Amino acid sequence: MVEAMHASGVFHFDQIAAWSEAEIAYMDEKLAARGRIARDDWAAQAAKLAEEKE
């Protein structure tokens, strides 16, 4: 999954934290995540991780 995200230009937590609903739907389809991105609230998790990195 990481390789697919990198191929899509996603390299940092702050990128995931800023995803719109449309971007979440796009990446969900691209990664065949079957709703996991929204269900696991990747954006909130990524925001927390990005904040810790600062």
N, C-alpha and C. Protein backbone atom coordinates (compact mmCIF):
# COMPACT_ATOMS: atom_id res chain seq x y z
N MET A 1 0.82 -1.18 0.00
CA MET A 1 0.00 0.00 0.00
C MET A 1 0.87 1.25 0.00
N VAL A 2 1.98 1.20 0.70
CA VAL A 2 2.88 2.37 0.75
C VAL A 2 3.40 2.69 -0.65
N GLU A 3 3.75 1.66 -1.40
CA GLU A 3 4.27 1.89 -2.75
C GLU A 3 3.22 2.58 -3.62
N ALA A 4 1.97 2.16 -3.49
CA ALA A 4 0.89 2.77 -4.28
C ALA A 4 0.68 4.22 -3.86
N MET A 5 0.81 4.50 -2.58
CA MET A 5 0.66 5.88 -2.12
C MET A 5 1.80 6.73 -2.66
N HIS A 6 3.01 6.22 -2.61
CA HIS A 6 4.16 6.96 -3.15
C HIS A 6 3.99 7.19 -4.65
N ALA A 7 3.50 6.19 -5.36
CA ALA A 7 3.27 6.33 -6.80
C ALA A 7 2.23 7.41 -7.09
N SER A 8 1.35 7.66 -6.14
CA SER A 8 0.31 8.69 -6.28
C SER A 8 0.78 10.05 -5.77
N GLY A 9 2.02 10.13 -5.31
CA GLY A 9 2.57 11.40 -4.85
C GLY A 9 2.35 11.68 -3.38
N VAL A 10 1.95 10.68 -2.62
CA VAL A 10 1.71 10.88 -1.19
C VAL A 10 2.93 10.38 -0.42
N PHE A 11 3.61 11.30 0.26
CA PHE A 11 4.84 10.97 0.97
C PHE A 11 4.84 11.42 2.44
N HIS A 12 3.88 12.30 2.80
CA HIS A 12 3.90 12.90 4.14
C HIS A 12 2.53 12.83 4.81
N PHE A 13 2.54 12.76 6.14
CA PHE A 13 1.30 12.71 6.90
C PHE A 13 0.44 13.94 6.69
N ASP A 14 1.08 15.10 6.55
CA ASP A 14 0.29 16.32 6.37
C ASP A 14 -0.50 16.30 5.06
N GLN A 15 -0.03 15.57 4.07
CA GLN A 15 -0.77 15.42 2.83
C GLN A 15 -2.07 14.64 3.09
N ILE A 16 -1.97 13.56 3.81
CA ILE A 16 -3.14 12.73 4.12
C ILE A 16 -4.10 13.52 5.00
N ALA A 17 -3.57 14.26 5.96
CA ALA A 17 -4.41 15.04 6.87
C ALA A 17 -5.26 16.06 6.12
N ALA A 18 -4.79 16.52 4.98
CA ALA A 18 -5.49 17.56 4.22
C ALA A 18 -6.42 17.00 3.14
N TRP A 19 -6.54 15.69 3.03
CA TRP A 19 -7.39 15.09 2.00
C TRP A 19 -8.84 15.54 2.14
N SER A 20 -9.44 15.87 1.01
CA SER A 20 -10.86 16.19 0.96
C SER A 20 -11.64 14.87 0.84
N GLU A 21 -12.96 14.96 0.92
CA GLU A 21 -13.80 13.77 0.76
C GLU A 21 -13.56 13.13 -0.61
N ALA A 22 -13.41 13.96 -1.64
CA ALA A 22 -13.16 13.45 -2.99
C ALA A 22 -11.81 12.74 -3.07
N GLU A 23 -10.81 13.30 -2.43
CA GLU A 23 -9.49 12.67 -2.43
C GLU A 23 -9.50 11.35 -1.66
N ILE A 24 -10.25 11.33 -0.57
CA ILE A 24 -10.37 10.08 0.20
C ILE A 24 -11.03 9.01 -0.66
N ALA A 25 -12.10 9.38 -1.36
CA ALA A 25 -12.79 8.41 -2.23
C ALA A 25 -11.87 7.93 -3.35
N TYR A 26 -11.10 8.85 -3.93
CA TYR A 26 -10.17 8.49 -5.00
C TYR A 26 -9.11 7.52 -4.49
N MET A 27 -8.49 7.84 -3.36
CA MET A 27 -7.44 6.98 -2.82
C MET A 27 -8.00 5.65 -2.32
N ASP A 28 -9.21 5.67 -1.80
CA ASP A 28 -9.86 4.44 -1.37
C ASP A 28 -9.99 3.48 -2.55
N GLU A 29 -10.40 4.03 -3.69
CA GLU A 29 -10.54 3.22 -4.91
C GLU A 29 -9.16 2.77 -5.42
N LYS A 30 -8.23 3.70 -5.45
CA LYS A 30 -6.89 3.41 -5.98
C LYS A 30 -6.17 2.34 -5.14
N LEU A 31 -6.36 2.40 -3.83
CA LEU A 31 -5.69 1.46 -2.93
C LEU A 31 -6.52 0.21 -2.64
N ALA A 32 -7.73 0.16 -3.20
CA ALA A 32 -8.67 -0.94 -2.92
C ALA A 32 -8.82 -1.12 -1.42
N ALA A 33 -9.01 0.02 -0.72
CA ALA A 33 -9.07 0.01 0.74
C ALA A 33 -10.45 -0.34 1.28
N ARG A 34 -11.46 -0.37 0.41
CA ARG A 34 -12.82 -0.77 0.78
C ARG A 34 -13.38 -0.01 1.98
N GLY A 35 -13.24 1.30 1.98
CA GLY A 35 -13.78 2.14 3.04
C GLY A 35 -12.89 2.30 4.25
N ARG A 36 -11.75 1.67 4.23
CA ARG A 36 -10.86 1.69 5.39
C ARG A 36 -10.34 3.09 5.72
N ILE A 37 -10.09 3.90 4.71
CA ILE A 37 -9.54 5.24 4.94
C ILE A 37 -10.49 6.06 5.80
N ALA A 38 -11.77 6.06 5.47
CA ALA A 38 -12.75 6.81 6.26
C ALA A 38 -13.04 6.11 7.58
N ARG A 39 -13.19 4.80 7.53
CA ARG A 39 -13.54 4.04 8.74
C ARG A 39 -12.47 4.18 9.82
N ASP A 40 -11.21 4.13 9.42
CA ASP A 40 -10.10 4.25 10.37
C ASP A 40 -9.68 5.70 10.59
N ASP A 41 -10.34 6.63 9.91
CA ASP A 41 -10.08 8.07 10.02
C ASP A 41 -8.60 8.40 9.84
N TRP A 42 -8.09 8.01 8.67
CA TRP A 42 -6.69 8.25 8.36
C TRP A 42 -6.33 9.72 8.47
N ALA A 43 -7.24 10.61 8.07
CA ALA A 43 -6.92 12.04 8.09
C ALA A 43 -6.62 12.51 9.51
N ALA A 44 -7.43 12.11 10.47
CA ALA A 44 -7.19 12.51 11.86
C ALA A 44 -5.91 11.88 12.41
N GLN A 45 -5.69 10.63 12.09
CA GLN A 45 -4.46 9.96 12.54
C GLN A 45 -3.24 10.64 11.94
N ALA A 46 -3.33 10.96 10.65
CA ALA A 46 -2.21 11.60 9.97
C ALA A 46 -1.94 12.99 10.54
N ALA A 47 -2.99 13.72 10.87
CA ALA A 47 -2.84 15.05 11.46
C ALA A 47 -2.09 14.95 12.78
N LYS A 48 -2.45 13.98 13.58
CA LYS A 48 -1.78 13.78 14.88
C LYS A 48 -0.30 13.44 14.66
N LEU A 49 -0.02 12.54 13.74
CA LEU A 49 1.36 12.15 13.48
C LEU A 49 2.18 13.30 12.90
N ALA A 50 1.56 14.09 12.04
CA ALA A 50 2.25 15.26 11.46
C ALA A 50 2.58 16.26 12.55
N GLU A 51 1.66 16.45 13.48
CA GLU A 51 1.86 17.38 14.59
C GLU A 51 3.02 16.91 15.48
N GLU A 52 3.10 15.62 15.71
CA GLU A 52 4.18 15.08 16.54
C GLU A 52 5.54 15.23 15.88
N LYS A 53 5.58 15.26 14.57
CA LYS A 53 6.83 15.38 13.82
C LYS A 53 7.40 16.79 13.88
N GLU A 54 6.56 17.77 14.17
CA GLU A 54 7.01 19.18 14.17
C GLU A 54 7.91 19.49 15.32
